[in-house]
Protein backbone atom coordinates (compact mmCIF):
# COMPACT_ATOMS: atom_id res chain seq x y z
CA MET A 1 96.15 109.20 102.91
CA ASN A 2 93.57 111.61 103.81
CA LYS A 3 89.62 109.71 104.74
CA ILE A 4 87.82 112.75 102.59
CA ILE A 5 89.58 111.89 99.69
CA LEU A 6 88.81 107.86 100.28
CA GLU A 7 85.63 108.69 100.69
CA ILE A 8 85.37 110.76 97.70
CA VAL A 9 87.18 107.63 95.19
CA LYS A 10 84.34 105.06 96.60
CA ASN A 11 81.50 106.70 95.96
CA PRO A 12 80.98 106.74 91.95
CA VAL A 13 79.23 110.42 90.77
CA LYS A 14 82.02 111.76 93.68
CA CYS A 15 85.00 110.05 91.88
CA LYS A 16 83.30 111.39 88.42
CA LEU A 17 83.92 114.90 89.24
CA LEU A 18 87.17 113.83 91.07
CA LEU A 19 88.49 112.79 87.66
CA GLU A 20 87.05 115.88 85.77
CA PHE A 21 88.85 118.22 87.69
CA LEU A 22 91.76 116.87 87.39
CA ASN A 23 91.81 116.98 83.59
CA CYS A 24 90.01 120.62 83.57
CA GLU A 25 92.26 121.68 86.70
CA GLN A 26 89.10 124.75 87.54
CA THR A 27 85.78 124.30 85.99
CA THR A 28 81.77 125.76 86.95
CA ALA A 29 78.89 123.46 88.00
CA LYS A 30 77.13 124.26 84.43
CA HIS A 31 80.62 122.50 82.72
CA LEU A 32 79.76 119.95 85.15
CA SER A 33 76.24 119.42 84.38
CA GLU A 34 76.43 119.44 80.83
CA THR A 35 79.40 116.89 80.97
CA PHE A 36 77.62 115.04 83.30
CA SER A 37 74.13 114.83 82.02
CA ASP A 38 72.84 112.21 83.89
CA ILE A 39 73.31 113.47 87.22
CA PRO A 40 70.80 115.48 88.78
CA PRO A 41 71.54 119.23 88.91
CA ALA A 42 70.57 119.18 93.11
CA THR A 43 72.63 116.27 94.02
CA LEU A 44 75.82 118.18 92.05
CA TYR A 45 75.55 121.15 93.47
CA ARG A 46 75.28 119.48 97.56
CA TYR A 47 78.56 116.75 96.86
CA LEU A 48 80.44 120.43 95.28
CA LYS A 49 79.16 121.86 98.42
CA LYS A 50 80.63 118.96 100.55
CA MET A 51 83.39 119.08 98.56
CA THR A 52 84.31 122.21 99.16
CA THR A 53 84.19 122.32 102.93
CA ASP A 54 85.50 119.54 103.60
CA GLY A 55 88.64 121.22 102.17
CA VAL A 56 88.78 119.10 98.76
CA LEU A 57 87.60 122.05 96.53
CA LYS A 58 88.09 125.39 96.65
CA ILE A 59 86.03 128.21 94.75
CA VAL A 60 88.86 131.07 93.34
CA HIS A 61 86.87 132.84 90.82
CA GLN A 62 82.95 133.75 90.95
CA THR A 63 80.97 135.58 88.40
CA GLN A 64 77.41 137.43 88.32
CA VAL A 65 75.44 135.39 85.97
CA ARG A 66 72.09 136.58 85.49
CA GLY A 67 71.28 137.57 89.40
CA ALA A 68 73.19 135.01 90.40
CA MET A 69 76.38 133.76 90.95
CA GLU A 70 78.76 131.32 89.22
CA LYS A 71 81.20 129.71 90.27
CA THR A 72 84.44 128.62 89.12
CA TYR A 73 85.96 125.97 91.67
CA ALA A 74 89.64 124.49 91.67
CA LEU A 75 90.65 121.36 93.64
CA ALA A 76 92.28 122.51 96.94
CA ILE A 77 94.61 119.78 97.46
CA ASP A 78 97.60 117.80 95.85
CA LEU A 79 95.70 114.15 94.87
CA LYS A 80 98.78 113.67 93.15
CA LYS A 81 101.06 114.25 96.17
CA GLU A 82 98.34 112.43 98.30
CA MET A 83 98.95 109.23 96.29
CA ASN A 84 103.20 109.56 95.85
CA ASP A 85 103.01 110.27 99.66
CA MET A 86 101.37 107.01 100.33
CA LEU A 87 104.10 105.13 98.06
CA ASP A 88 106.67 107.13 98.72
CA ASN A 89 106.57 106.39 102.03
CA ASN A 90 105.17 102.26 101.50
CA SER A 91 102.82 102.73 104.22
CA GLY A 92 101.03 99.65 104.33
CA GLU A 93 98.47 100.96 106.59
CA ALA A 94 97.42 103.34 104.32
CA TYR A 95 97.52 101.21 101.45
CA MET A 96 95.17 98.69 102.90
CA GLN A 97 93.11 101.59 103.63
CA ALA A 98 92.64 102.55 100.26
CA PHE A 99 92.18 99.22 99.21
CA ILE A 100 89.55 98.82 102.24
CA GLN A 101 87.87 101.97 100.49
CA TYR A 102 88.43 100.90 96.74
CA MET A 103 86.11 97.31 97.86
CA LEU A 104 84.07 99.31 99.84
CA GLY A 105 82.91 101.73 97.05
CA PHE A 106 82.05 98.60 94.80
CA ALA A 107 80.49 96.61 97.51
CA GLU A 108 77.97 99.91 98.07
CA GLN A 109 77.10 99.74 94.16
CA PHE A 110 76.21 95.73 93.88
CA GLN A 111 74.70 95.67 96.69
CA THR A 112 72.31 98.88 95.91
CA TYR A 113 72.07 96.75 92.46
CA CYS A 114 71.03 93.28 94.50
CA LYS A 115 68.21 94.77 96.77
CA LYS A 116 66.74 96.12 93.49
CA GLU A 117 63.46 94.04 92.85
CA LYS A 118 63.99 93.13 89.23
CA ILE A 119 67.57 92.13 88.04
CA ASP A 120 69.18 91.33 85.15
CA ILE A 121 72.96 90.12 85.57
CA SER A 122 73.07 89.52 81.91
CA LYS A 123 71.65 92.18 80.35
CA ASP A 124 72.41 94.76 82.83
CA LYS A 125 76.28 93.50 82.16
CA SER A 126 77.24 93.32 84.90
CA GLY A 127 79.87 90.92 86.23
CA PHE A 128 83.18 90.06 88.15
CA SER A 129 86.00 88.25 86.94
CA LEU A 130 89.54 86.54 88.88
CA VAL A 131 92.35 86.10 86.25
CA PRO A 132 95.81 84.61 87.33
CA LEU A 133 98.26 85.38 85.61
CA TYR A 134 102.01 84.43 85.16
CA LEU A 135 103.64 87.68 84.38
CA SER A 136 107.59 88.92 84.43
CA ASP A 137 108.31 92.97 85.02
CA GLU A 138 108.58 93.74 81.70
CA GLU A 139 104.58 91.55 80.33
CA LEU A 140 103.02 93.05 83.62
CA ASP A 141 104.37 96.93 82.93
CA SER A 142 102.95 96.18 79.58
CA PHE A 143 99.47 94.73 80.98
CA MET A 144 99.24 98.10 82.43
CA LYS A 145 100.11 100.32 79.47
CA SER A 146 97.64 98.60 77.56
CA TYR A 147 94.73 98.57 80.40
CA SER A 148 95.50 102.32 80.07
CA GLN A 149 95.02 102.97 76.88
CA ILE A 150 91.74 100.75 76.73
CA THR A 151 90.29 102.69 79.38
CA GLU A 152 91.85 106.78 77.77
CA LYS A 153 89.48 105.95 74.42
CA TYR A 154 86.09 105.46 76.49
CA ARG A 155 87.22 108.21 79.11
CA ASN A 156 85.33 111.13 77.70
CA ASN A 157 82.52 109.46 76.39
CA THR A 158 79.27 111.27 77.79
CA PRO A 159 75.89 109.93 79.27
CA THR A 160 73.16 109.16 76.96
CA GLU A 161 70.26 106.94 76.19
CA ASN A 162 72.31 103.94 75.10
CA ARG A 163 74.89 105.04 77.88
CA LYS A 164 74.78 103.84 81.32
CA LEU A 165 77.85 104.50 83.88
CA HIS A 166 79.62 101.23 84.84
CA SER A 167 82.29 101.38 86.98
CA ILE A 168 85.13 98.92 86.15
CA GLY A 169 88.15 98.43 88.52
CA LEU A 170 91.28 96.12 88.12
CA ILE A 171 93.29 94.86 91.01
CA ILE A 172 96.34 93.77 90.91
CA ALA A 173 97.42 91.88 93.88
CA PRO A 174 100.70 91.82 95.42
CA PRO A 175 102.51 88.89 94.36
CA THR A 176 102.05 85.79 96.06
CA MET A 177 104.91 82.95 96.51
CA GLY A 178 104.94 79.23 96.28
């Protein structure tokens, strides 16, 4: 899997932007800024420039708006193809690399949080758990469908005074024998 994509996936802000591009196909910095008011404009423009330089995004249109050039961005990569290639090739190496990047993304978030002077784990609603379940393939498919429906219900929430960005991950470990 493309290392640049793995870097994006481990960064929660870049990951939000990537998901919005998957959702919108094409969009502007203005739209992204309105959608993600919690991302400072300088950070947004820095990430858009980096993602464009790295070949993840491309500029598909430019319009003159009050003396400034408004750019319309789109994905320059086929993210679904990248993921399907990994699955089709059954590449254990690429799969492990993607998993490590995923875990590093969470580890960095936890590290940043834990380094703060005053934290309140309960109040901040942080946590993790492990629930071993015996499931048939059909039960696992049903579980994943339910999980997807729950997360989809909240995916388009916008930041407000009461809403904070939480990264919620799900790991389904390969089955163990014995």
